[in-house]
């Protein structure tokens, strides 16, 4: 976690590096957010919806370089994380899906994200 403008101590902009690695590729993208863009709150809402919801719930970072789509599939929640280039003419993107138990597993993820986003940036 770093400050977008380190000389401004009250600046709410936060940057953090997201790395996704598979057998054939490693992707790294610096994600820019405005105080986390509510990612922790989005995850907390998913945790509170442990009984389920219809359709897909989505979240995106300030510049759209990180996206998250959530679907409730009964006994689990499917989170599809997307990493996207910031340049509109460059259509490279990477997606990865993680599976989580509804309720407590999602609540733990939300708490971990809140802790991370609330940490003091460098």
PDB file of N, CA and C in Angstrom:
ATOM      1  N   UNK A   1       0.848  -1.165   0.000  1.00  0.00           N
ATOM      2  CA  UNK A   1       0.000   0.000   0.000  1.00  0.00           C
ATOM      3  C   UNK A   1       0.897   1.232   0.000  1.00  0.00           C
ATOM      4  N   UNK A   2       0.668   2.103  -0.947  1.00  0.00           N
ATOM      5  CA  UNK A   2       1.431   3.348  -1.016  1.00  0.00           C
ATOM      6  C   UNK A   2       0.470   4.504  -1.237  1.00  0.00           C
ATOM      7  N   UNK A   3       0.942   5.686  -0.968  1.00  0.00           N
ATOM      8  CA  UNK A   3       0.174   6.896  -1.248  1.00  0.00           C
ATOM      9  C   UNK A   3       0.428   7.308  -2.694  1.00  0.00           C
ATOM     10  N   UNK A   4      -0.624   7.706  -3.378  1.00  0.00           N
ATOM     11  CA  UNK A   4      -0.459   8.192  -4.747  1.00  0.00           C
ATOM     12  C   UNK A   4       0.365   9.471  -4.762  1.00  0.00           C
ATOM     13  N   UNK A   5       0.157  10.313  -3.754  1.00  0.00           N
ATOM     14  CA  UNK A   5       0.863  11.583  -3.635  1.00  0.00           C
ATOM     15  C   UNK A   5       1.480  11.649  -2.239  1.00  0.00           C
ATOM     16  N   UNK A   6       2.681  11.050  -2.065  1.00  0.00           N
ATOM     17  CA  UNK A   6       3.282  10.922  -0.729  1.00  0.00           C
ATOM     18  C   UNK A   6       3.495  12.239   0.000  1.00  0.00           C
ATOM     19  N   UNK A   7       3.656  13.330  -0.740  1.00  0.00           N
ATOM     20  CA  UNK A   7       3.881  14.627  -0.093  1.00  0.00           C
ATOM     21  C   UNK A   7       2.612  15.184   0.549  1.00  0.00           C
ATOM     22  N   UNK A   8       1.452  14.632   0.190  1.00  0.00           N
ATOM     23  CA  UNK A   8       0.166  15.053   0.749  1.00  0.00           C
ATOM     24  C   UNK A   8      -0.274  14.033   1.793  1.00  0.00           C
ATOM     25  N   UNK A   9      -0.048  14.308   3.071  1.00  0.00           N
ATOM     26  CA  UNK A   9      -0.335  13.337   4.134  1.00  0.00           C
ATOM     27  C   UNK A   9      -1.831  13.006   4.246  1.00  0.00           C
ATOM     28  N   UNK A  10      -2.728  13.887   3.846  1.00  0.00           N
ATOM     29  CA  UNK A  10      -4.173  13.636   3.949  1.00  0.00           C
ATOM     30  C   UNK A  10      -4.778  13.128   2.649  1.00  0.00           C
ATOM     31  N   UNK A  11      -3.952  12.806   1.680  1.00  0.00           N
ATOM     32  CA  UNK A  11      -4.451  12.345   0.390  1.00  0.00           C
ATOM     33  C   UNK A  11      -5.142  10.986   0.532  1.00  0.00           C
ATOM     34  N   UNK A  12      -6.401  10.859   0.094  1.00  0.00           N
ATOM     35  CA  UNK A  12      -7.114   9.580   0.213  1.00  0.00           C
ATOM     36  C   UNK A  12      -6.779   8.565  -0.888  1.00  0.00           C
ATOM     37  N   UNK A  13      -5.998   8.974  -1.880  1.00  0.00           N
ATOM     38  CA  UNK A  13      -5.634   8.051  -2.952  1.00  0.00           C
ATOM     39  C   UNK A  13      -4.661   7.008  -2.411  1.00  0.00           C
ATOM     40  N   UNK A  14      -4.955   5.745  -2.738  1.00  0.00           N
ATOM     41  CA  UNK A  14      -4.103   4.644  -2.307  1.00  0.00           C
ATOM     42  C   UNK A  14      -3.813   3.748  -3.498  1.00  0.00           C
ATOM     43  N   UNK A  15      -2.562   3.347  -3.629  1.00  0.00           N
ATOM     44  CA  UNK A  15      -2.151   2.430  -4.691  1.00  0.00           C
ATOM     45  C   UNK A  15      -1.675   1.139  -4.032  1.00  0.00           C
ATOM     46  N   UNK A  16      -2.010   0.023  -4.661  1.00  0.00           N
ATOM     47  CA  UNK A  16      -1.472  -1.244  -4.187  1.00  0.00           C
ATOM     48  C   UNK A  16      -1.276  -2.176  -5.366  1.00  0.00           C
ATOM     49  N   UNK A  17      -0.279  -3.026  -5.235  1.00  0.00           N
ATOM     50  CA  UNK A  17       0.087  -3.952  -6.291  1.00  0.00           C
ATOM     51  C   UNK A  17      -0.728  -5.230  -6.157  1.00  0.00           C
ATOM     52  N   UNK A  18      -1.350  -5.648  -7.269  1.00  0.00           N
ATOM     53  CA  UNK A  18      -2.072  -6.919  -7.320  1.00  0.00           C
ATOM     54  C   UNK A  18      -1.279  -7.836  -8.247  1.00  0.00           C
ATOM     55  N   UNK A  19      -0.971  -9.031  -7.758  1.00  0.00           N
ATOM     56  CA  UNK A  19      -0.234 -10.010  -8.539  1.00  0.00           C
ATOM     57  C   UNK A  19      -1.074 -11.267  -8.679  1.00  0.00           C
ATOM     58  N   UNK A  20      -1.204 -11.744  -9.909  1.00  0.00           N
ATOM     59  CA  UNK A  20      -1.872 -13.018 -10.187  1.00  0.00           C
ATOM     60  C   UNK A  20      -0.870 -13.889 -10.920  1.00  0.00           C
ATOM     61  N   UNK A  21      -0.744 -15.118 -10.457  1.00  0.00           N
ATOM     62  CA  UNK A  21       0.238 -16.005 -11.068  1.00  0.00           C
ATOM     63  C   UNK A  21      -0.382 -17.367 -11.329  1.00  0.00           C
ATOM     64  N   UNK A  22      -0.149 -17.870 -12.511  1.00  0.00           N
ATOM     65  CA  UNK A  22      -0.586 -19.202 -12.888  1.00  0.00           C
ATOM     66  C   UNK A  22       0.584 -19.964 -13.460  1.00  0.00           C
ATOM     67  N   UNK A  23       0.298 -21.120 -14.031  1.00  0.00           N
ATOM     68  CA  UNK A  23       1.367 -21.936 -14.594  1.00  0.00           C
ATOM     69  C   UNK A  23       2.042 -21.265 -15.789  1.00  0.00           C
ATOM     70  N   UNK A  24       1.271 -20.525 -16.579  1.00  0.00           N
ATOM     71  CA  UNK A  24       1.807 -19.968 -17.817  1.00  0.00           C
ATOM     72  C   UNK A  24       2.050 -18.463 -17.780  1.00  0.00           C
ATOM     73  N   UNK A  25       1.596 -17.793 -16.725  1.00  0.00           N
ATOM     74  CA  UNK A  25       1.705 -16.329 -16.741  1.00  0.00           C
ATOM     75  C   UNK A  25       1.793 -15.763 -15.334  1.00  0.00           C
ATOM     76  N   UNK A  26       2.360 -14.580 -15.277  1.00  0.00           N
ATOM     77  CA  UNK A  26       2.383 -13.779 -14.047  1.00  0.00           C
ATOM     78  C   UNK A  26       1.986 -12.370 -14.449  1.00  0.00           C
ATOM     79  N   UNK A  27       0.955 -11.843 -13.813  1.00  0.00           N
ATOM     80  CA  UNK A  27       0.434 -10.513 -14.127  1.00  0.00           C
ATOM     81  C   UNK A  27       0.560  -9.650 -12.881  1.00  0.00           C
ATOM     82  N   UNK A  28       1.057  -8.430 -13.049  1.00  0.00           N
ATOM     83  CA  UNK A  28       1.120  -7.462 -11.962  1.00  0.00           C
ATOM     84  C   UNK A  28       0.521  -6.156 -12.438  1.00  0.00           C
ATOM     85  N   UNK A  29      -0.375  -5.612 -11.646  1.00  0.00           N
ATOM     86  CA  UNK A  29      -1.000  -4.328 -11.977  1.00  0.00           C
ATOM     87  C   UNK A  29      -1.058  -3.484 -10.714  1.00  0.00           C
ATOM     88  N   UNK A  30      -0.662  -2.225 -10.845  1.00  0.00           N
ATOM     89  CA  UNK A  30      -0.780  -1.282  -9.741  1.00  0.00           C
ATOM     90  C   UNK A  30      -2.200  -0.723  -9.786  1.00  0.00           C
ATOM     91  N   UNK A  31      -2.947  -0.948  -8.730  1.00  0.00           N
ATOM     92  CA  UNK A  31      -4.345  -0.522  -8.652  1.00  0.00           C
ATOM     93  C   UNK A  31      -4.415   0.783  -7.882  1.00  0.00           C
ATOM     94  N   UNK A  32      -5.111   1.748  -8.447  1.00  0.00           N
ATOM     95  CA  UNK A  32      -5.300   3.058  -7.818  1.00  0.00           C
ATOM     96  C   UNK A  32      -6.723   3.112  -7.280  1.00  0.00           C
ATOM     97  N   UNK A  33      -6.872   3.483  -6.009  1.00  0.00           N
ATOM     98  CA  UNK A  33      -8.199   3.605  -5.415  1.00  0.00           C
ATOM     99  C   UNK A  33      -8.325   4.929  -4.683  1.00  0.00           C
ATOM    100  N   UNK A  34      -9.548   5.312  -4.443  1.00  0.00           N
ATOM    101  CA  UNK A  34      -9.861   6.475  -3.616  1.00  0.00           C
ATOM    102  C   UNK A  34     -10.257   5.907  -2.252  1.00  0.00           C
ATOM    103  N   UNK A  35      -9.288   5.767  -1.364  1.00  0.00           N
ATOM    104  CA  UNK A  35      -9.543   5.223  -0.041  1.00  0.00           C
ATOM    105  C   UNK A  35     -10.043   3.784  -0.063  1.00  0.00           C
ATOM    106  N   UNK A  36      -9.693   3.033  -1.087  1.00  0.00           N
ATOM    107  CA  UNK A  36     -10.114   1.643  -1.193  1.00  0.00           C
ATOM    108  C   UNK A  36     -11.354   1.441  -2.046  1.00  0.00           C
ATOM    109  N   UNK A  37     -11.993   2.525  -2.457  1.00  0.00           N
ATOM    110  CA  UNK A  37     -13.178   2.472  -3.326  1.00  0.00           C
ATOM    111  C   UNK A  37     -14.303   1.587  -2.787  1.00  0.00           C
ATOM    112  N   UNK A  38     -14.316   1.359  -1.476  1.00  0.00           N
ATOM    113  CA  UNK A  38     -15.393   0.583  -0.881  1.00  0.00           C
ATOM    114  C   UNK A  38     -15.306  -0.920  -1.108  1.00  0.00           C
ATOM    115  N   UNK A  39     -14.135  -1.422  -1.471  1.00  0.00           N
ATOM    116  CA  UNK A  39     -13.990  -2.866  -1.692  1.00  0.00           C
ATOM    117  C   UNK A  39     -14.305  -3.651  -0.426  1.00  0.00           C
ATOM    118  N   UNK A  40     -13.847  -3.166   0.720  1.00  0.00           N
ATOM    119  CA  UNK A  40     -14.143  -3.863   1.972  1.00  0.00           C
ATOM    120  C   UNK A  40     -15.636  -3.865   2.274  1.00  0.00           C
ATOM    121  N   UNK A  41     -16.318  -2.757   2.009  1.00  0.00           N
ATOM    122  CA  UNK A  41     -17.769  -2.682   2.229  1.00  0.00           C
ATOM    123  C   UNK A  41     -18.515  -3.602   1.267  1.00  0.00           C
ATOM    124  N   UNK A  42     -18.053  -3.675   0.021  1.00  0.00           N
ATOM    125  CA  UNK A  42     -18.663  -4.569  -0.964  1.00  0.00           C
ATOM    126  C   UNK A  42     -18.567  -6.019  -0.482  1.00  0.00           C
ATOM    127  N   UNK A  43     -17.389  -6.418  -0.013  1.00  0.00           N
ATOM    128  CA  UNK A  43     -17.208  -7.777   0.482  1.00  0.00           C
ATOM    129  C   UNK A  43     -18.052  -8.030   1.733  1.00  0.00           C
ATOM    130  N   UNK A  44     -18.172  -7.021   2.598  1.00  0.00           N
ATOM    131  CA  UNK A  44     -18.993  -7.161   3.807  1.00  0.00           C
ATOM    132  C   UNK A  44     -20.465  -7.350   3.435  1.00  0.00           C
ATOM    133  N   UNK A  45     -20.937  -6.629   2.412  1.00  0.00           N
ATOM    134  CA  UNK A  45     -22.323  -6.799   1.949  1.00  0.00           C
ATOM    135  C   UNK A  45     -22.542  -8.214   1.411  1.00  0.00           C
ATOM    136  N   UNK A  46     -21.561  -8.739   0.711  1.00  0.00           N
ATOM    137  CA  UNK A  46     -21.674 -10.119   0.224  1.00  0.00           C
ATOM    138  C   UNK A  46     -21.758 -11.094   1.388  1.00  0.00           C
ATOM    139  N   UNK A  47     -20.986 -10.845   2.423  1.00  0.00           N
ATOM    140  CA  UNK A  47     -21.004 -11.725   3.599  1.00  0.00           C
ATOM    141  C   UNK A  47     -22.363 -11.679   4.285  1.00  0.00           C
ATOM    142  N   UNK A  48     -22.945 -10.477   4.366  1.00  0.00           N
ATOM    143  CA  UNK A  48     -24.261 -10.345   5.001  1.00  0.00           C
ATOM    144  C   UNK A  48     -25.354 -11.002   4.166  1.00  0.00           C
ATOM    145  N   UNK A  49     -25.123 -11.172   2.872  1.00  0.00           N
ATOM    146  CA  UNK A  49     -26.088 -11.822   1.993  1.00  0.00           C
ATOM    147  C   UNK A  49     -25.862 -13.322   1.917  1.00  0.00           C
ATOM    148  N   UNK A  50     -25.435 -13.931   3.017  1.00  0.00           N
ATOM    149  CA  UNK A  50     -25.068 -15.357   3.006  1.00  0.00           C
ATOM    150  C   UNK A  50     -26.214 -16.270   2.576  1.00  0.00           C
ATOM    151  N   UNK A  51     -27.462 -15.805   2.693  1.00  0.00           N
ATOM    152  CA  UNK A  51     -28.597 -16.636   2.261  1.00  0.00           C
ATOM    153  C   UNK A  51     -28.738 -16.649   0.743  1.00  0.00           C
ATOM    154  N   UNK A  52     -28.037 -15.740   0.092  1.00  0.00           N
ATOM    155  CA  UNK A  52     -28.016 -15.741  -1.365  1.00  0.00           C
ATOM    156  C   UNK A  52     -28.628 -14.508  -1.985  1.00  0.00           C
ATOM    157  N   UNK A  53     -28.385 -14.345  -3.270  1.00  0.00           N
ATOM    158  CA  UNK A  53     -28.948 -13.272  -4.074  1.00  0.00           C
ATOM    159  C   UNK A  53     -29.068 -13.770  -5.496  1.00  0.00           C
ATOM    160  N   UNK A  54     -29.835 -13.049  -6.275  1.00  0.00           N
ATOM    161  CA  UNK A  54     -30.043 -13.416  -7.673  1.00  0.00           C
ATOM    162  C   UNK A  54     -29.169 -12.518  -8.543  1.00  0.00           C
ATOM    163  N   UNK A  55     -28.515 -13.097  -9.522  1.00  0.00           N
ATOM    164  CA  UNK A  55     -27.703 -12.328 -10.455  1.00  0.00           C
ATOM    165  C   UNK A  55     -26.279 -12.133  -9.976  1.00  0.00           C
ATOM    166  N   UNK A  56     -25.614 -11.185 -10.620  1.00  0.00           N
ATOM    167  CA  UNK A  56     -24.212 -10.900 -10.347  1.00  0.00           C
ATOM    168  C   UNK A  56     -24.084  -9.522  -9.721  1.00  0.00           C
ATOM    169  N   UNK A  57     -23.338  -9.432  -8.638  1.00  0.00           N
ATOM    170  CA  UNK A  57     -23.015  -8.141  -8.020  1.00  0.00           C
ATOM    171  C   UNK A  57     -21.598  -7.783  -8.443  1.00  0.00           C
ATOM    172  N   UNK A  58     -21.377  -6.512  -8.748  1.00  0.00           N
ATOM    173  CA  UNK A  58     -20.068  -6.120  -9.271  1.00  0.00           C
ATOM    174  C   UNK A  58     -19.480  -4.935  -8.518  1.00  0.00           C
ATOM    175  N   UNK A  59     -18.170  -4.840  -8.569  1.00  0.00           N
ATOM    176  CA  UNK A  59     -17.392  -3.748  -7.997  1.00  0.00           C
ATOM    177  C   UNK A  59     -16.249  -3.474  -8.949  1.00  0.00           C
ATOM    178  N   UNK A  60     -15.801  -2.204  -8.993  1.00  0.00           N
ATOM    179  CA  UNK A  60     -14.615  -1.853  -9.788  1.00  0.00           C
ATOM    180  C   UNK A  60     -13.826  -0.767  -9.073  1.00  0.00           C
ATOM    181  N   UNK A  61     -12.534  -0.782  -9.296  1.00  0.00           N
ATOM    182  CA  UNK A  61     -11.669   0.243  -8.725  1.00  0.00           C
ATOM    183  C   UNK A  61     -11.838   1.545  -9.501  1.00  0.00           C
ATOM    184  N   UNK A  62     -11.257   2.590  -8.970  1.00  0.00           N
ATOM    185  CA  UNK A  62     -11.380   3.938  -9.521  1.00  0.00           C
ATOM    186  C   UNK A  62     -11.117   3.988 -11.029  1.00  0.00           C
ATOM    187  N   UNK A  63     -10.026   3.394 -11.481  1.00  0.00           N
ATOM    188  CA  UNK A  63      -9.668   3.410 -12.899  1.00  0.00           C
ATOM    189  C   UNK A  63     -10.111   2.155 -13.635  1.00  0.00           C
ATOM    190  N   UNK A  64     -10.789   1.262 -12.955  1.00  0.00           N
ATOM    191  CA  UNK A  64     -11.264   0.036 -13.601  1.00  0.00           C
ATOM    192  C   UNK A  64     -10.185  -1.000 -13.834  1.00  0.00           C
ATOM    193  N   UNK A  65      -9.038  -0.836 -13.182  1.00  0.00           N
ATOM    194  CA  UNK A  65      -7.959  -1.800 -13.393  1.00  0.00           C
ATOM    195  C   UNK A  65      -8.146  -3.066 -12.562  1.00  0.00           C
ATOM    196  N   UNK A  66      -8.992  -3.002 -11.533  1.00  0.00           N
ATOM    197  CA  UNK A  66      -9.361  -4.187 -10.755  1.00  0.00           C
ATOM    198  C   UNK A  66     -10.884  -4.249 -10.709  1.00  0.00           C
ATOM    199  N   UNK A  67     -11.444  -5.391 -11.070  1.00  0.00           N
ATOM    200  CA  UNK A  67     -12.890  -5.590 -10.997  1.00  0.00           C
ATOM    201  C   UNK A  67     -13.178  -6.856 -10.211  1.00  0.00           C
ATOM    202  N   UNK A  68     -14.385  -6.918  -9.686  1.00  0.00           N
ATOM    203  CA  UNK A  68     -14.810  -8.092  -8.940  1.00  0.00           C
ATOM    204  C   UNK A  68     -16.284  -8.346  -9.245  1.00  0.00           C
ATOM    205  N   UNK A  69     -16.585  -9.564  -9.648  1.00  0.00           N
ATOM    206  CA  UNK A  69     -17.962  -9.981  -9.903  1.00  0.00           C
ATOM    207  C   UNK A  69     -18.273 -11.130  -8.950  1.00  0.00           C
ATOM    208  N   UNK A  70     -19.420 -11.051  -8.272  1.00  0.00           N
ATOM    209  CA  UNK A  70     -19.788 -12.056  -7.278  1.00  0.00           C
ATOM    210  C   UNK A  70     -21.109 -12.709  -7.647  1.00  0.00           C
ATOM    211  N   UNK A  71     -21.119 -14.034  -7.593  1.00  0.00           N
ATOM    212  CA  UNK A  71     -22.343 -14.801  -7.826  1.00  0.00           C
ATOM    213  C   UNK A  71     -22.521 -15.769  -6.670  1.00  0.00           C
ATOM    214  N   UNK A  72     -23.752 -15.857  -6.175  1.00  0.00           N
ATOM    215  CA  UNK A  72     -24.063 -16.803  -5.097  1.00  0.00           C
ATOM    216  C   UNK A  72     -24.614 -18.061  -5.747  1.00  0.00           C
ATOM    217  N   UNK A  73     -23.963 -19.174  -5.494  1.00  0.00           N
ATOM    218  CA  UNK A  73     -24.352 -20.428  -6.144  1.00  0.00           C
ATOM    219  C   UNK A  73     -24.837 -21.452  -5.123  1.00  0.00           C
ATOM    220  N   UNK A  74     -25.592 -21.004  -4.126  1.00  0.00           N
ATOM    221  CA  UNK A  74     -26.128 -21.919  -3.129  1.00  0.00           C
ATOM    222  C   UNK A  74     -25.161 -22.203  -2.010  1.00  0.00           C
ATOM    223  N   UNK A  75     -24.324 -23.198  -2.191  1.00  0.00           N
ATOM    224  CA  UNK A  75     -23.400 -23.587  -1.127  1.00  0.00           C
ATOM    225  C   UNK A  75     -22.057 -22.857  -1.201  1.00  0.00           C
ATOM    226  N   UNK A  76     -21.882 -21.993  -2.174  1.00  0.00           N
ATOM    227  CA  UNK A  76     -20.641 -21.234  -2.264  1.00  0.00           C
ATOM    228  C   UNK A  76     -20.863 -19.914  -3.003  1.00  0.00           C
ATOM    229  N   UNK A  77     -19.890 -19.019  -2.840  1.00  0.00           N
ATOM    230  CA  UNK A  77     -19.871 -17.735  -3.543  1.00  0.00           C
ATOM    231  C   UNK A  77     -18.701 -17.776  -4.508  1.00  0.00           C
ATOM    232  N   UNK A  78     -18.970 -17.459  -5.755  1.00  0.00           N
ATOM    233  CA  UNK A  78     -17.934 -17.426  -6.789  1.00  0.00           C
ATOM    234  C   UNK A  78     -17.538 -15.968  -7.008  1.00  0.00           C
ATOM    235  N   UNK A  79     -16.266 -15.672  -6.752  1.00  0.00           N
ATOM    236  CA  UNK A  79     -15.725 -14.331  -6.982  1.00  0.00           C
ATOM    237  C   UNK A  79     -14.813 -14.378  -8.204  1.00  0.00           C
ATOM    238  N   UNK A  80     -15.112 -13.559  -9.194  1.00  0.00           N
ATOM    239  CA  UNK A  80     -14.262 -13.466 -10.379  1.00  0.00           C
ATOM    240  C   UNK A  80     -13.526 -12.136 -10.317  1.00  0.00           C
ATOM    241  N   UNK A  81     -12.225 -12.233 -10.129  1.00  0.00           N
ATOM    242  CA  UNK A  81     -11.351 -11.072 -10.006  1.00  0.00           C
ATOM    243  C   UNK A  81     -10.785 -10.763 -11.386  1.00  0.00           C
ATOM    244  N   UNK A  82     -10.854  -9.523 -11.816  1.00  0.00           N
ATOM    245  CA  UNK A  82     -10.337  -9.130 -13.122  1.00  0.00           C
ATOM    246  C   UNK A  82      -9.254  -8.079 -12.997  1.00  0.00           C
ATOM    247  N   UNK A  83      -8.178  -8.269 -13.735  1.00  0.00           N
ATOM    248  CA  UNK A  83      -7.107  -7.275 -13.845  1.00  0.00           C
ATOM    249  C   UNK A  83      -7.132  -6.760 -15.269  1.00  0.00           C
ATOM    250  N   UNK A  84      -7.181  -5.438 -15.420  1.00  0.00           N
ATOM    251  CA  UNK A  84      -7.373  -4.825 -16.731  1.00  0.00           C
ATOM    252  C   UNK A  84      -6.357  -3.716 -16.953  1.00  0.00           C
ATOM    253  N   UNK A  85      -5.885  -3.605 -18.186  1.00  0.00           N
ATOM    254  CA  UNK A  85      -5.013  -2.483 -18.543  1.00  0.00           C
ATOM    255  C   UNK A  85      -5.800  -1.194 -18.467  1.00  0.00           C
ATOM    256  N   UNK A  86      -5.114  -0.121 -18.160  1.00  0.00           N
ATOM    257  CA  UNK A  86      -5.783   1.184 -18.056  1.00  0.00           C
ATOM    258  C   UNK A  86      -6.008   1.831 -19.412  1.00  0.00           C
ATOM    259  N   UNK A  87      -5.327   1.360 -20.419  1.00  0.00           N
ATOM    260  CA  UNK A  87      -5.431   2.005 -21.721  1.00  0.00           C
ATOM    261  C   UNK A  87      -6.633   1.450 -22.477  1.00  0.00           C
ATOM    262  N   UNK A  88      -7.551   2.327 -22.929  1.00  0.00           N
ATOM    263  CA  UNK A  88      -8.770   1.844 -23.580  1.00  0.00           C
ATOM    264  C   UNK A  88      -8.527   1.079 -24.878  1.00  0.00           C
ATOM    265  N   UNK A  89      -7.438   1.364 -25.571  1.00  0.00           N
ATOM    266  CA  UNK A  89      -7.190   0.672 -26.841  1.00  0.00           C
ATOM    267  C   UNK A  89      -6.475  -0.669 -26.649  1.00  0.00           C
ATOM    268  N   UNK A  90      -6.053  -0.958 -25.430  1.00  0.00           N
ATOM    269  CA  UNK A  90      -5.374  -2.205 -25.147  1.00  0.00           C
ATOM    270  C   UNK A  90      -6.345  -3.119 -24.411  1.00  0.00           C
ATOM    271  N   UNK A  91      -6.757  -4.179 -25.039  1.00  0.00           N
ATOM    272  CA  UNK A  91      -7.807  -5.011 -24.498  1.00  0.00           C
ATOM    273  C   UNK A  91      -7.300  -6.224 -23.732  1.00  0.00           C
ATOM    274  N   UNK A  92      -6.092  -6.152 -23.221  1.00  0.00           N
ATOM    275  CA  UNK A  92      -5.590  -7.270 -22.421  1.00  0.00           C
ATOM    276  C   UNK A  92      -6.247  -7.239 -21.057  1.00  0.00           C
ATOM    277  N   UNK A  93      -6.691  -8.390 -20.619  1.00  0.00           N
ATOM    278  CA  UNK A  93      -7.189  -8.517 -19.257  1.00  0.00           C
ATOM    279  C   UNK A  93      -7.022  -9.962 -18.805  1.00  0.00           C
ATOM    280  N   UNK A  94      -7.038 -10.122 -17.505  1.00  0.00           N
ATOM    281  CA  UNK A  94      -6.843 -11.423 -16.891  1.00  0.00           C
ATOM    282  C   UNK A  94      -7.941 -11.608 -15.854  1.00  0.00           C
ATOM    283  N   UNK A  95      -8.543 -12.773 -15.820  1.00  0.00           N
ATOM    284  CA  UNK A  95      -9.558 -13.072 -14.814  1.00  0.00           C
ATOM    285  C   UNK A  95      -9.221 -14.369 -14.098  1.00  0.00           C
ATOM    286  N   UNK A  96      -9.539 -14.399 -12.825  1.00  0.00           N
ATOM    287  CA  UNK A  96      -9.349 -15.586 -12.009  1.00  0.00           C
ATOM    288  C   UNK A  96     -10.534 -15.706 -11.062  1.00  0.00           C
ATOM    289  N   UNK A  97     -10.997 -16.919 -10.852  1.00  0.00           N
ATOM    290  CA  UNK A  97     -12.149 -17.140  -9.983  1.00  0.00           C
ATOM    291  C   UNK A  97     -11.707 -17.834  -8.705  1.00  0.00           C
ATOM    292  N   UNK A  98     -12.226 -17.332  -7.596  1.00  0.00           N
ATOM    293  CA  UNK A  98     -12.020 -17.981  -6.303  1.00  0.00           C
ATOM    294  C   UNK A  98     -13.383 -18.383  -5.749  1.00  0.00           C
ATOM    295  N   UNK A  99     -13.401 -19.440  -4.985  1.00  0.00           N
ATOM    296  CA  UNK A  99     -14.633 -19.979  -4.414  1.00  0.00           C
ATOM    297  C   UNK A  99     -14.578 -19.825  -2.892  1.00  0.00           C
ATOM    298  N   UNK A 100     -15.679 -19.340  -2.306  1.00  0.00           N
ATOM    299  CA  UNK A 100     -15.728 -19.098  -0.861  1.00  0.00           C
ATOM    300  C   UNK A 100     -17.048 -19.600  -0.297  1.00  0.00           C
ATOM    301  N   UNK A 101     -16.996 -20.098   0.919  1.00  0.00           N
ATOM    302  CA  UNK A 101     -18.228 -20.470   1.611  1.00  0.00           C
ATOM    303  C   UNK A 101     -18.959 -19.178   1.991  1.00  0.00           C
ATOM    304  N   UNK A 102     -20.280 -19.147   1.827  1.00  0.00           N
ATOM    305  CA  UNK A 102     -21.014 -17.946   2.234  1.00  0.00           C
ATOM    306  C   UNK A 102     -20.949 -17.771   3.754  1.00  0.00           C
ATOM    307  N   UNK A 103     -21.155 -16.582   4.209  1.00  0.00           N
ATOM    308  CA  UNK A 103     -21.165 -16.332   5.650  1.00  0.00           C
ATOM    309  C   UNK A 103     -19.787 -16.068   6.200  1.00  0.00           C
ATOM    310  N   UNK A 104     -19.333 -16.919   7.092  1.00  0.00           N
ATOM    311  CA  UNK A 104     -18.106 -16.667   7.848  1.00  0.00           C
ATOM    312  C   UNK A 104     -16.859 -16.546   6.966  1.00  0.00           C
ATOM    313  N   UNK A 105     -16.729 -17.363   5.940  1.00  0.00           N
ATOM    314  CA  UNK A 105     -15.580 -17.276   5.035  1.00  0.00           C
ATOM    315  C   UNK A 105     -15.562 -15.915   4.338  1.00  0.00           C
ATOM    316  N   UNK A 106     -16.708 -15.476   3.861  1.00  0.00           N
ATOM    317  CA  UNK A 106     -16.796 -14.168   3.207  1.00  0.00           C
ATOM    318  C   UNK A 106     -16.561 -13.042   4.215  1.00  0.00           C
ATOM    319  N   UNK A 107     -17.073 -13.224   5.428  1.00  0.00           N
ATOM    320  CA  UNK A 107     -16.876 -12.217   6.484  1.00  0.00           C
ATOM    321  C   UNK A 107     -15.381 -12.078   6.794  1.00  0.00           C
ATOM    322  N   UNK A 108     -14.664 -13.176   6.859  1.00  0.00           N
ATOM    323  CA  UNK A 108     -13.214 -13.129   7.114  1.00  0.00           C
ATOM    324  C   UNK A 108     -12.485 -12.402   5.993  1.00  0.00           C
ATOM    325  N   UNK A 109     -12.895 -12.669   4.754  1.00  0.00           N
ATOM    326  CA  UNK A 109     -12.284 -11.977   3.614  1.00  0.00           C
ATOM    327  C   UNK A 109     -12.518 -10.475   3.706  1.00  0.00           C
ATOM    328  N   UNK A 110     -13.730 -10.075   4.065  1.00  0.00           N
ATOM    329  CA  UNK A 110     -14.055  -8.650   4.202  1.00  0.00           C
ATOM    330  C   UNK A 110     -13.220  -7.996   5.302  1.00  0.00           C
ATOM    331  N   UNK A 111     -13.049  -8.688   6.417  1.00  0.00           N
ATOM    332  CA  UNK A 111     -12.251  -8.147   7.521  1.00  0.00           C
ATOM    333  C   UNK A 111     -10.783  -8.015   7.114  1.00  0.00           C
ATOM    334  N   UNK A 112     -10.255  -9.028   6.425  1.00  0.00           N
ATOM    335  CA  UNK A 112      -8.868  -8.950   5.959  1.00  0.00           C
ATOM    336  C   UNK A 112      -8.679  -7.782   4.996  1.00  0.00           C
ATOM    337  N   UNK A 113      -9.648  -7.575   4.106  1.00  0.00           N
ATOM    338  CA  UNK A 113      -9.545  -6.467   3.154  1.00  0.00           C
ATOM    339  C   UNK A 113      -9.648  -5.124   3.888  1.00  0.00           C
ATOM    340  N   UNK A 114     -10.543  -5.026   4.864  1.00  0.00           N
ATOM    341  CA  UNK A 114     -10.676  -3.778   5.638  1.00  0.00           C
ATOM    342  C   UNK A 114      -9.367  -3.469   6.369  1.00  0.00           C
ATOM    343  N   UNK A 115      -8.735  -4.497   6.936  1.00  0.00           N
ATOM    344  CA  UNK A 115      -7.467  -4.323   7.630  1.00  0.00           C
ATOM    345  C   UNK A 115      -6.396  -3.845   6.657  1.00  0.00           C
ATOM    346  N   UNK A 116      -6.321  -4.481   5.500  1.00  0.00           N
ATOM    347  CA  UNK A 116      -5.328  -4.099   4.488  1.00  0.00           C
ATOM    348  C   UNK A 116      -5.560  -2.661   4.021  1.00  0.00           C
ATOM    349  N   UNK A 117      -6.796  -2.334   3.642  1.00  0.00           N
ATOM    350  CA  UNK A 117      -7.090  -0.997   3.118  1.00  0.00           C
ATOM    351  C   UNK A 117      -6.943   0.087   4.173  1.00  0.00           C
ATOM    352  N   UNK A 118      -7.089  -0.285   5.439  1.00  0.00           N
ATOM    353  CA  UNK A 118      -6.952   0.673   6.518  1.00  0.00           C
ATOM    354  C   UNK A 118      -5.531   0.825   7.034  1.00  0.00           C
ATOM    355  N   UNK A 119      -4.618   0.028   6.482  1.00  0.00           N
ATOM    356  CA  UNK A 119      -3.229   0.096   6.943  1.00  0.00           C
ATOM    357  C   UNK A 119      -2.596   1.422   6.531  1.00  0.00           C
ATOM    358  N   UNK A 120      -1.606   1.829   7.272  1.00  0.00           N
ATOM    359  CA  UNK A 120      -0.921   3.093   6.998  1.00  0.00           C
ATOM    360  C   UNK A 120      -0.031   2.936   5.765  1.00  0.00           C
ATOM    361  N   UNK A 121      -0.328   3.679   4.702  1.00  0.00           N
ATOM    362  CA  UNK A 121       0.486   3.555   3.485  1.00  0.00           C
ATOM    363  C   UNK A 121       1.874   4.127   3.681  1.00  0.00           C
ATOM    364  N   UNK A 122       2.786   3.660   2.846  1.00  0.00           N
ATOM    365  CA  UNK A 122       4.167   4.144   2.889  1.00  0.00           C
ATOM    366  C   UNK A 122       4.263   5.533   2.325  1.00  0.00           C
TER     367      UNK A 122
END
